[in-house]
Amino acid sequence: MVMCLLKSWTANPETYSPVAEAIAASAPPSLDAIKTKQQGAWASGNYAIVGTTLQIVGEQLCETIDLKSGSKVLDVAAGNGTATLAAARRFCDVTSTDYVDTLLERGAARADAEGLSVEFQTADAENLPFSDNTYDVVMSTFGVMFTPDQPKAAAELMRVIKPGGKIALTNWTPESFIGQLFKTIVKYIPPAPGVNSPALWGTDARLKEFFDDESSDITLHERSFNFRYQSPAHFMHIFRTYYGPTHKAFLALDEEGQAGLDADIRALIDQFNVATDGTMVVPSAYVDAVITKA
């Protein structure tokens, strides 16, 4: 059975989640077990080093939804505060959540440095500790897309939003640089059976599957984020050292596997890199998805 699952997945590599590092064994692991491994992956390294470079994405998301001051906002899988800080800068009532406490601490330090008022609370995106119909806006930037139980996470976002409120998400697309990075890692680290690719959140079809029944509108805005690093080698150092999923992938491989993954990622960078001066400027497509609750 497991071999059939792996063959099916290999034929459809978009079903891979790079954060789920569980190796298929005699029986598929539970989603709770996968979540525990994911939590450990995000807690490893220091995602805040990468997260701070994405701040423009949170600012753009707030502008995409025309976020109004005074709105009651929930940031889900907030990391170190990309969307949190952007919403707080617009004088919203913001609650920032993640299941990794150290990332929330980083976000809190950033908020304190800017004199921003934010409530930080540990929470699982698949089991949010908030009442129904509570928030005007629920946001997530490259966060909730990584949950192992995607339908459950989507249902939680819809549950806590008020009727007429907006769910605002930034999600990498399957064809993007990051989407292709996921597919590169799959060659070396098999995915956990039953876990779908986070990049599917960047597709209209998947979002309609999640939200169509309870929404009045779903709109995707195509965007691009430029990964700007001193060089491809600099990017590799940062992502191998600080970005949890990549950090864990390299740790799981032997020397030969590490060399192969390193070479393949560098080849992917060369494919996307538009810089001609030795630095790295790699555009990666994503979408701002806006879902309005009926």
C-alpha atoms as a PDB file:
ATOM      1  CA  MET A   1       0.000   0.000   0.000  1.00  0.00           C
ATOM      2  CA  VAL A   2       2.776   2.395   0.953  1.00  0.00           C
ATOM      3  CA  MET A   3       4.613   1.729  -2.304  1.00  0.00           C
ATOM      4  CA  CYS A   4       1.427   2.492  -4.239  1.00  0.00           C
ATOM      5  CA  LEU A   5       1.081   5.751  -2.373  1.00  0.00           C
ATOM      6  CA  LEU A   6       4.691   6.673  -3.077  1.00  0.00           C
ATOM      7  CA  LYS A   7       4.347   5.825  -6.769  1.00  0.00           C
ATOM      8  CA  SER A   8       1.207   7.938  -7.003  1.00  0.00           C
ATOM      9  CA  TRP A   9       2.949  10.811  -5.249  1.00  0.00           C
ATOM     10  CA  THR A  10       6.043  10.554  -7.433  1.00  0.00           C
ATOM     11  CA  ALA A  11       3.836  10.895 -10.487  1.00  0.00           C
ATOM     12  CA  ASN A  12       2.270  13.963  -8.932  1.00  0.00           C
ATOM     13  CA  PRO A  13       5.095  15.808  -7.112  1.00  0.00           C
ATOM     14  CA  GLU A  14       2.828  18.737  -6.327  1.00  0.00           C
ATOM     15  CA  THR A  15       1.479  16.596  -3.486  1.00  0.00           C
ATOM     16  CA  TYR A  16       4.742  17.129  -1.620  1.00  0.00           C
ATOM     17  CA  SER A  17       5.108  19.248   1.493  1.00  0.00           C
ATOM     18  CA  PRO A  18       8.769  20.052   2.247  1.00  0.00           C
ATOM     19  CA  VAL A  19       8.043  20.715   5.912  1.00  0.00           C
ATOM     20  CA  ALA A  20       6.712  17.152   6.440  1.00  0.00           C
ATOM     21  CA  GLU A  21       9.910  15.136   6.770  1.00  0.00           C
ATOM     22  CA  ALA A  22       8.293  11.883   7.963  1.00  0.00           C
ATOM     23  CA  ILE A  23       9.507   8.966   5.874  1.00  0.00           C
ATOM     24  CA  ALA A  24       6.802   6.564   4.690  1.00  0.00           C
ATOM     25  CA  ALA A  25       6.962   3.331   6.705  1.00  0.00           C
ATOM     26  CA  SER A  26       4.630   0.392   7.162  1.00  0.00           C
ATOM     27  CA  ALA A  27       1.646   2.676   7.731  1.00  0.00           C
ATOM     28  CA  PRO A  28       1.037   6.351   6.996  1.00  0.00           C
ATOM     29  CA  PRO A  29       1.742   8.570  10.009  1.00  0.00           C
ATOM     30  CA  SER A  30      -1.112  10.473  11.565  1.00  0.00           C
ATOM     31  CA  LEU A  31      -1.561  14.131  10.721  1.00  0.00           C
ATOM     32  CA  ASP A  32      -0.913  14.951  14.377  1.00  0.00           C
ATOM     33  CA  ALA A  33       2.461  13.205  14.169  1.00  0.00           C
ATOM     34  CA  ILE A  34       3.265  15.105  10.984  1.00  0.00           C
ATOM     35  CA  LYS A  35       2.288  18.359  12.656  1.00  0.00           C
ATOM     36  CA  THR A  36       4.672  17.631  15.535  1.00  0.00           C
ATOM     37  CA  LYS A  37       7.519  17.117  13.056  1.00  0.00           C
ATOM     38  CA  GLN A  38       6.575  20.299  11.215  1.00  0.00           C
ATOM     39  CA  GLN A  39       6.562  22.247  14.453  1.00  0.00           C
ATOM     40  CA  GLY A  40      10.047  20.971  15.181  1.00  0.00           C
ATOM     41  CA  ALA A  41      11.186  21.958  11.690  1.00  0.00           C
ATOM     42  CA  TRP A  42       9.918  25.523  12.004  1.00  0.00           C
ATOM     43  CA  ALA A  43      11.437  25.798  15.485  1.00  0.00           C
ATOM     44  CA  SER A  44      14.837  24.704  14.191  1.00  0.00           C
ATOM     45  CA  GLY A  45      17.265  27.116  12.621  1.00  0.00           C
ATOM     46  CA  ASN A  46      15.974  30.668  12.902  1.00  0.00           C
ATOM     47  CA  TYR A  47      13.108  31.401  10.519  1.00  0.00           C
ATOM     48  CA  ALA A  48      13.051  35.047  11.640  1.00  0.00           C
ATOM     49  CA  ILE A  49      16.235  35.607   9.592  1.00  0.00           C
ATOM     50  CA  VAL A  50      14.248  34.747   6.466  1.00  0.00           C
ATOM     51  CA  GLY A  51      10.919  36.144   7.688  1.00  0.00           C
ATOM     52  CA  THR A  52      12.189  39.687   8.090  1.00  0.00           C
ATOM     53  CA  THR A  53      13.078  39.813   4.387  1.00  0.00           C
ATOM     54  CA  LEU A  54       9.409  39.213   3.486  1.00  0.00           C
ATOM     55  CA  GLN A  55       7.976  42.305   5.191  1.00  0.00           C
ATOM     56  CA  ILE A  56       6.964  43.953   1.914  1.00  0.00           C
ATOM     57  CA  VAL A  57       4.573  41.033   1.361  1.00  0.00           C
ATOM     58  CA  GLY A  58       2.621  41.861   4.526  1.00  0.00           C
ATOM     59  CA  GLU A  59       2.425  45.518   3.554  1.00  0.00           C
ATOM     60  CA  GLN A  60       1.153  44.609   0.082  1.00  0.00           C
ATOM     61  CA  LEU A  61      -1.470  42.257   1.518  1.00  0.00           C
ATOM     62  CA  CYS A  62      -2.879  45.028   3.723  1.00  0.00           C
ATOM     63  CA  GLU A  63      -3.134  47.291   0.699  1.00  0.00           C
ATOM     64  CA  THR A  64      -4.707  44.544  -1.407  1.00  0.00           C
ATOM     65  CA  ILE A  65      -7.630  44.295   1.013  1.00  0.00           C
ATOM     66  CA  ASP A  66      -7.698  48.060   1.750  1.00  0.00           C
ATOM     67  CA  LEU A  67      -7.305  47.305   5.457  1.00  0.00           C
ATOM     68  CA  LYS A  68      -9.123  49.894   7.563  1.00  0.00           C
ATOM     69  CA  SER A  69      -7.806  51.272  10.857  1.00  0.00           C
ATOM     70  CA  GLY A  70      -9.666  49.881  13.833  1.00  0.00           C
ATOM     71  CA  SER A  71     -10.323  46.493  12.187  1.00  0.00           C
ATOM     72  CA  LYS A  72     -10.155  43.453  14.447  1.00  0.00           C
ATOM     73  CA  VAL A  73      -7.416  41.341  12.826  1.00  0.00           C
ATOM     74  CA  LEU A  74      -6.137  37.816  13.450  1.00  0.00           C
ATOM     75  CA  ASP A  75      -2.784  36.759  11.965  1.00  0.00           C
ATOM     76  CA  VAL A  76      -2.624  32.940  11.742  1.00  0.00           C
ATOM     77  CA  ALA A  77       0.708  31.084  11.525  1.00  0.00           C
ATOM     78  CA  ALA A  78       2.207  34.542  11.840  1.00  0.00           C
ATOM     79  CA  GLY A  79       5.838  33.543  12.178  1.00  0.00           C
ATOM     80  CA  ASN A  80       7.812  36.569  13.321  1.00  0.00           C
ATOM     81  CA  GLY A  81       5.117  39.021  12.294  1.00  0.00           C
ATOM     82  CA  THR A  82       5.143  39.808   8.577  1.00  0.00           C
ATOM     83  CA  ALA A  83       1.392  40.532   8.375  1.00  0.00           C
ATOM     84  CA  THR A  84       1.082  41.307  12.087  1.00  0.00           C
ATOM     85  CA  LEU A  85       3.307  44.364  11.956  1.00  0.00           C
ATOM     86  CA  ALA A  86       1.798  45.609   8.710  1.00  0.00           C
ATOM     87  CA  ALA A  87      -1.702  45.506  10.234  1.00  0.00           C
ATOM     88  CA  ALA A  88      -0.544  47.073  13.502  1.00  0.00           C
ATOM     89  CA  ARG A  89       1.061  49.944  11.563  1.00  0.00           C
ATOM     90  CA  ARG A  90      -2.429  50.653  10.241  1.00  0.00           C
ATOM     91  CA  PHE A  91      -3.767  51.013  13.801  1.00  0.00           C
ATOM     92  CA  CYS A  92      -5.732  47.773  13.802  1.00  0.00           C
ATOM     93  CA  ASP A  93      -6.592  45.618  16.820  1.00  0.00           C
ATOM     94  CA  VAL A  94      -4.207  42.737  16.045  1.00  0.00           C
ATOM     95  CA  THR A  95      -3.835  39.268  17.558  1.00  0.00           C
ATOM     96  CA  SER A  96      -0.743  37.426  16.293  1.00  0.00           C
ATOM     97  CA  THR A  97      -0.671  33.621  16.589  1.00  0.00           C
ATOM     98  CA  ASP A  98       1.708  30.779  15.816  1.00  0.00           C
ATOM     99  CA  TYR A  99       2.419  27.333  17.270  1.00  0.00           C
ATOM    100  CA  VAL A 100       6.137  28.137  17.651  1.00  0.00           C
ATOM    101  CA  ASP A 101       6.636  30.312  20.739  1.00  0.00           C
ATOM    102  CA  THR A 102      10.109  31.485  19.756  1.00  0.00           C
ATOM    103  CA  LEU A 103       8.737  33.008  16.544  1.00  0.00           C
ATOM    104  CA  LEU A 104       6.075  34.885  18.494  1.00  0.00           C
ATOM    105  CA  GLU A 105       8.809  36.197  20.774  1.00  0.00           C
ATOM    106  CA  ARG A 106      10.634  37.536  17.721  1.00  0.00           C
ATOM    107  CA  GLY A 107       7.454  39.199  16.529  1.00  0.00           C
ATOM    108  CA  ALA A 108       6.859  40.730  19.940  1.00  0.00           C
ATOM    109  CA  ALA A 109      10.387  42.151  19.996  1.00  0.00           C
ATOM    110  CA  ARG A 110       9.801  43.748  16.599  1.00  0.00           C
ATOM    111  CA  ALA A 111       6.478  45.224  17.742  1.00  0.00           C
ATOM    112  CA  ASP A 112       8.073  46.602  20.910  1.00  0.00           C
ATOM    113  CA  ALA A 113      10.888  48.178  18.900  1.00  0.00           C
ATOM    114  CA  GLU A 114       8.311  50.051  16.814  1.00  0.00           C
ATOM    115  CA  GLY A 115       6.008  50.884  19.719  1.00  0.00           C
ATOM    116  CA  LEU A 116       3.163  48.858  18.203  1.00  0.00           C
ATOM    117  CA  SER A 117       0.339  47.385  20.271  1.00  0.00           C
ATOM    118  CA  VAL A 118      -0.193  43.700  19.449  1.00  0.00           C
ATOM    119  CA  GLU A 119      -1.538  40.710  21.390  1.00  0.00           C
ATOM    120  CA  PHE A 120       0.583  37.591  20.906  1.00  0.00           C
ATOM    121  CA  GLN A 121      -0.890  34.153  21.602  1.00  0.00           C
ATOM    122  CA  THR A 122       0.266  30.592  20.953  1.00  0.00           C
ATOM    123  CA  ALA A 123      -2.297  28.842  18.755  1.00  0.00           C
ATOM    124  CA  ASP A 124      -2.607  25.986  16.273  1.00  0.00           C
ATOM    125  CA  ALA A 125      -4.019  27.036  12.898  1.00  0.00           C
ATOM    126  CA  GLU A 126      -6.048  23.824  12.784  1.00  0.00           C
ATOM    127  CA  ASN A 127      -7.646  24.446  16.192  1.00  0.00           C
ATOM    128  CA  LEU A 128      -7.916  28.174  16.804  1.00  0.00           C
ATOM    129  CA  PRO A 129      -8.886  29.086  20.406  1.00  0.00           C
ATOM    130  CA  PHE A 130     -11.290  31.842  19.349  1.00  0.00           C
ATOM    131  CA  SER A 131     -15.061  32.119  19.125  1.00  0.00           C
ATOM    132  CA  ASP A 132     -17.060  31.978  15.924  1.00  0.00           C
ATOM    133  CA  ASN A 133     -17.582  35.191  13.955  1.00  0.00           C
ATOM    134  CA  THR A 134     -15.000  37.188  15.936  1.00  0.00           C
ATOM    135  CA  TYR A 135     -12.682  38.929  13.441  1.00  0.00           C
ATOM    136  CA  ASP A 136     -13.115  41.433  10.632  1.00  0.00           C
ATOM    137  CA  VAL A 137     -10.000  40.133   8.894  1.00  0.00           C
ATOM    138  CA  VAL A 138      -8.003  36.911   9.181  1.00  0.00           C
ATOM    139  CA  MET A 139      -4.556  37.054   7.563  1.00  0.00           C
ATOM    140  CA  SER A 140      -1.682  34.672   6.887  1.00  0.00           C
ATOM    141  CA  THR A 141       1.486  35.235   4.873  1.00  0.00           C
ATOM    142  CA  PHE A 142       3.119  31.991   3.733  1.00  0.00           C
ATOM    143  CA  GLY A 143       1.895  30.411   6.968  1.00  0.00           C
ATOM    144  CA  VAL A 144      -1.394  28.524   7.035  1.00  0.00           C
ATOM    145  CA  MET A 145      -0.533  27.016   3.644  1.00  0.00           C
ATOM    146  CA  PHE A 146       1.906  24.674   5.436  1.00  0.00           C
ATOM    147  CA  THR A 147      -0.678  23.011   7.714  1.00  0.00           C
ATOM    148  CA  PRO A 148      -0.878  19.227   7.223  1.00  0.00           C
ATOM    149  CA  ASP A 149      -4.692  19.113   7.503  1.00  0.00           C
ATOM    150  CA  GLN A 150      -5.472  21.783   4.958  1.00  0.00           C
ATOM    151  CA  PRO A 151      -9.306  21.481   4.914  1.00  0.00           C
ATOM    152  CA  LYS A 152      -9.414  21.725   8.707  1.00  0.00           C
ATOM    153  CA  ALA A 153      -7.241  24.840   8.722  1.00  0.00           C
ATOM    154  CA  ALA A 154      -9.391  26.449   6.027  1.00  0.00           C
ATOM    155  CA  ALA A 155     -12.531  25.671   8.015  1.00  0.00           C
ATOM    156  CA  GLU A 156     -11.015  27.314  11.103  1.00  0.00           C
ATOM    157  CA  LEU A 157     -10.222  30.496   9.183  1.00  0.00           C
ATOM    158  CA  MET A 158     -13.797  30.670   7.944  1.00  0.00           C
ATOM    159  CA  ARG A 159     -15.247  29.883  11.378  1.00  0.00           C
ATOM    160  CA  VAL A 160     -13.613  32.772  13.231  1.00  0.00           C
ATOM    161  CA  ILE A 161     -14.288  35.430  10.586  1.00  0.00           C
ATOM    162  CA  LYS A 162     -17.417  37.580  10.775  1.00  0.00           C
ATOM    163  CA  PRO A 163     -20.017  37.439   7.987  1.00  0.00           C
ATOM    164  CA  GLY A 164     -18.847  39.913   5.371  1.00  0.00           C
ATOM    165  CA  GLY A 165     -15.298  39.740   6.725  1.00  0.00           C
ATOM    166  CA  LYS A 166     -12.220  38.867   4.680  1.00  0.00           C
ATOM    167  CA  ILE A 167      -9.687  36.077   4.783  1.00  0.00           C
ATOM    168  CA  ALA A 168      -6.469  37.463   3.248  1.00  0.00           C
ATOM    169  CA  LEU A 169      -3.690  35.017   2.354  1.00  0.00           C
ATOM    170  CA  THR A 170      -0.351  35.176   0.588  1.00  0.00           C
ATOM    171  CA  ASN A 171       0.520  31.784  -0.902  1.00  0.00           C
ATOM    172  CA  TRP A 172       3.338  30.573  -3.143  1.00  0.00           C
ATOM    173  CA  THR A 173       2.182  29.070  -6.437  1.00  0.00           C
ATOM    174  CA  PRO A 174       3.230  25.625  -7.728  1.00  0.00           C
ATOM    175  CA  GLU A 175       5.130  27.154 -10.665  1.00  0.00           C
ATOM    176  CA  SER A 176       7.026  29.694  -8.556  1.00  0.00           C
ATOM    177  CA  PHE A 177      10.663  29.475  -7.500  1.00  0.00           C
ATOM    178  CA  ILE A 178       9.575  28.292  -4.056  1.00  0.00           C
ATOM    179  CA  GLY A 179       7.089  25.847  -5.560  1.00  0.00           C
ATOM    180  CA  GLN A 180       9.914  24.408  -7.649  1.00  0.00           C
ATOM    181  CA  LEU A 181      12.143  24.339  -4.573  1.00  0.00           C
ATOM    182  CA  PHE A 182       9.544  22.090  -2.922  1.00  0.00           C
ATOM    183  CA  LYS A 183       9.667  19.758  -5.926  1.00  0.00           C
ATOM    184  CA  THR A 184      13.467  19.717  -5.802  1.00  0.00           C
ATOM    185  CA  ILE A 185      13.486  18.628  -2.181  1.00  0.00           C
ATOM    186  CA  VAL A 186      11.037  15.815  -2.956  1.00  0.00           C
ATOM    187  CA  LYS A 187      13.733  14.051  -4.927  1.00  0.00           C
ATOM    188  CA  TYR A 188      15.644  13.530  -1.681  1.00  0.00           C
ATOM    189  CA  ILE A 189      13.104  13.509   1.153  1.00  0.00           C
ATOM    190  CA  PRO A 190       9.914  11.498   0.527  1.00  0.00           C
ATOM    191  CA  PRO A 191       6.718  13.217   1.675  1.00  0.00           C
ATOM    192  CA  ALA A 192       4.323  11.879   4.261  1.00  0.00           C
ATOM    193  CA  PRO A 193       1.447  10.087   2.517  1.00  0.00           C
ATOM    194  CA  GLY A 194      -1.773  12.065   2.677  1.00  0.00           C
ATOM    195  CA  VAL A 195      -0.123  15.482   3.001  1.00  0.00           C
ATOM    196  CA  ASN A 196      -0.812  17.803   0.084  1.00  0.00           C
ATOM    197  CA  SER A 197       1.561  20.431  -1.245  1.00  0.00           C
ATOM    198  CA  PRO A 198       1.369  23.826   0.462  1.00  0.00           C
ATOM    199  CA  ALA A 199       1.671  25.394  -3.000  1.00  0.00           C
ATOM    200  CA  LEU A 200      -1.844  24.183  -3.838  1.00  0.00           C
ATOM    201  CA  TRP A 201      -3.038  27.098  -1.688  1.00  0.00           C
ATOM    202  CA  GLY A 202      -1.732  29.276  -4.502  1.00  0.00           C
ATOM    203  CA  THR A 203      -4.285  27.882  -6.977  1.00  0.00           C
ATOM    204  CA  ASP A 204      -7.830  29.012  -7.681  1.00  0.00           C
ATOM    205  CA  ALA A 205      -9.103  25.434  -7.750  1.00  0.00           C
ATOM    206  CA  ARG A 206      -7.844  24.577  -4.270  1.00  0.00           C
ATOM    207  CA  LEU A 207      -9.155  27.765  -2.689  1.00  0.00           C
ATOM    208  CA  LYS A 208     -12.578  27.227  -4.249  1.00  0.00           C
ATOM    209  CA  GLU A 209     -12.562  23.694  -2.899  1.00  0.00           C
ATOM    210  CA  PHE A 210     -11.885  25.076   0.586  1.00  0.00           C
ATOM    211  CA  PHE A 211     -14.035  28.198   0.639  1.00  0.00           C
ATOM    212  CA  ASP A 212     -16.626  28.286  -2.158  1.00  0.00           C
ATOM    213  CA  ASP A 213     -19.547  27.014  -0.062  1.00  0.00           C
ATOM    214  CA  GLU A 214     -19.292  29.734   2.586  1.00  0.00           C
ATOM    215  CA  SER A 215     -17.931  32.667   0.619  1.00  0.00           C
ATOM    216  CA  SER A 216     -19.495  35.378  -1.512  1.00  0.00           C
ATOM    217  CA  ASP A 217     -16.282  36.085  -3.418  1.00  0.00           C
ATOM    218  CA  ILE A 218     -12.817  34.603  -3.980  1.00  0.00           C
ATOM    219  CA  THR A 219     -10.268  36.764  -5.796  1.00  0.00           C
ATOM    220  CA  LEU A 220      -6.633  35.960  -6.545  1.00  0.00           C
ATOM    221  CA  HIS A 221      -4.164  38.761  -7.241  1.00  0.00           C
ATOM    222  CA  GLU A 222      -0.933  37.665  -8.940  1.00  0.00           C
ATOM    223  CA  ARG A 223       2.211  39.013  -7.257  1.00  0.00           C
ATOM    224  CA  SER A 224       5.951  38.435  -7.307  1.00  0.00           C
ATOM    225  CA  PHE A 225       8.523  38.608  -4.525  1.00  0.00           C
ATOM    226  CA  ASN A 226      12.222  39.050  -5.287  1.00  0.00           C
ATOM    227  CA  PHE A 227      14.632  36.993  -3.204  1.00  0.00           C
ATOM    228  CA  ARG A 228      17.612  39.350  -3.026  1.00  0.00           C
ATOM    229  CA  TYR A 229      20.845  37.887  -1.640  1.00  0.00           C
ATOM    230  CA  GLN A 230      24.524  38.730  -1.955  1.00  0.00           C
ATOM    231  CA  SER A 231      25.037  35.649  -4.133  1.00  0.00           C
ATOM    232  CA  PRO A 232      23.565  32.176  -4.693  1.00  0.00           C
ATOM    233  CA  ALA A 233      26.083  30.915  -2.124  1.00  0.00           C
ATOM    234  CA  HIS A 234      24.768  33.442   0.382  1.00  0.00           C
ATOM    235  CA  PHE A 235      21.191  32.231  -0.201  1.00  0.00           C
ATOM    236  CA  MET A 236      22.289  28.614   0.280  1.00  0.00           C
ATOM    237  CA  HIS A 237      23.990  29.499   3.555  1.00  0.00           C
ATOM    238  CA  ILE A 238      20.916  31.301   4.896  1.00  0.00           C
ATOM    239  CA  PHE A 239      18.442  28.612   3.858  1.00  0.00           C
ATOM    240  CA  ARG A 240      20.600  25.706   5.000  1.00  0.00           C
ATOM    241  CA  THR A 241      21.305  27.340   8.348  1.00  0.00           C
ATOM    242  CA  TYR A 242      18.120  29.190   9.270  1.00  0.00           C
ATOM    243  CA  TYR A 243      15.120  28.098   7.173  1.00  0.00           C
ATOM    244  CA  GLY A 244      13.682  25.163   9.118  1.00  0.00           C
ATOM    245  CA  PRO A 245      12.421  22.912   6.300  1.00  0.00           C
ATOM    246  CA  THR A 246      15.613  23.194   4.243  1.00  0.00           C
ATOM    247  CA  HIS A 247      17.756  22.961   7.370  1.00  0.00           C
ATOM    248  CA  LYS A 248      16.015  19.733   8.363  1.00  0.00           C
ATOM    249  CA  ALA A 249      16.188  18.298   4.841  1.00  0.00           C
ATOM    250  CA  PHE A 250      19.970  18.648   4.717  1.00  0.00           C
ATOM    251  CA  LEU A 251      20.346  17.187   8.212  1.00  0.00           C
ATOM    252  CA  ALA A 252      18.356  14.122   7.138  1.00  0.00           C
ATOM    253  CA  LEU A 253      20.681  13.350   4.219  1.00  0.00           C
ATOM    254  CA  ASP A 254      24.081  11.719   4.082  1.00  0.00           C
ATOM    255  CA  GLU A 255      27.040  13.521   2.522  1.00  0.00           C
ATOM    256  CA  GLU A 256      26.208  12.365  -1.003  1.00  0.00           C
ATOM    257  CA  GLY A 257      22.562  13.372  -0.639  1.00  0.00           C
ATOM    258  CA  GLN A 258      23.490  16.772   0.731  1.00  0.00           C
ATOM    259  CA  ALA A 259      25.818  17.379  -2.211  1.00  0.00           C
ATOM    260  CA  GLY A 260      23.095  16.389  -4.662  1.00  0.00           C
ATOM    261  CA  LEU A 261      20.434  18.588  -3.063  1.00  0.00           C
ATOM    262  CA  ASP A 262      22.838  21.505  -2.859  1.00  0.00           C
ATOM    263  CA  ALA A 263      23.699  21.170  -6.542  1.00  0.00           C
ATOM    264  CA  ASP A 264      20.062  20.898  -7.603  1.00  0.00           C
ATOM    265  CA  ILE A 265      19.008  23.970  -5.615  1.00  0.00           C
ATOM    266  CA  ARG A 266      21.903  25.961  -7.068  1.00  0.00           C
ATOM    267  CA  ALA A 267      20.813  24.883 -10.561  1.00  0.00           C
ATOM    268  CA  LEU A 268      17.278  26.054  -9.761  1.00  0.00           C
ATOM    269  CA  ILE A 269      18.639  29.419  -8.613  1.00  0.00           C
ATOM    270  CA  ASP A 270      20.594  29.739 -11.863  1.00  0.00           C
ATOM    271  CA  GLN A 271      17.387  29.041 -13.792  1.00  0.00           C
ATOM    272  CA  PHE A 272      15.448  31.835 -12.045  1.00  0.00           C
ATOM    273  CA  ASN A 273      18.202  34.347 -11.240  1.00  0.00           C
ATOM    274  CA  VAL A 274      17.882  37.593 -13.215  1.00  0.00           C
ATOM    275  CA  ALA A 275      20.932  39.282 -11.703  1.00  0.00           C
ATOM    276  CA  THR A 276      23.998  39.605 -13.922  1.00  0.00           C
ATOM    277  CA  ASP A 277      26.467  41.064 -11.419  1.00  0.00           C
ATOM    278  CA  GLY A 278      27.135  38.012  -9.268  1.00  0.00           C
ATOM    279  CA  THR A 279      24.347  38.750  -6.799  1.00  0.00           C
ATOM    280  CA  MET A 280      21.056  36.871  -6.598  1.00  0.00           C
ATOM    281  CA  VAL A 281      17.708  38.360  -7.609  1.00  0.00           C
ATOM    282  CA  VAL A 282      15.188  35.558  -7.972  1.00  0.00           C
ATOM    283  CA  PRO A 283      11.532  36.436  -8.591  1.00  0.00           C
ATOM    284  CA  SER A 284       9.054  34.020  -7.030  1.00  0.00           C
ATOM    285  CA  ALA A 285       5.386  34.186  -7.994  1.00  0.00           C
ATOM    286  CA  TYR A 286       2.713  34.183  -5.328  1.00  0.00           C
ATOM    287  CA  VAL A 287      -0.915  35.199  -4.958  1.00  0.00           C
ATOM    288  CA  ASP A 288      -2.757  37.492  -2.617  1.00  0.00           C
ATOM    289  CA  ALA A 289      -5.975  35.526  -2.119  1.00  0.00           C
ATOM    290  CA  VAL A 290      -8.970  37.400  -0.712  1.00  0.00           C
ATOM    291  CA  ILE A 291     -11.986  35.377   0.424  1.00  0.00           C
ATOM    292  CA  THR A 292     -15.113  37.229   1.565  1.00  0.00           C
ATOM    293  CA  LYS A 293     -17.391  35.328   3.932  1.00  0.00           C
ATOM    294  CA  ALA A 294     -21.023  35.249   2.881  1.00  0.00           C
END
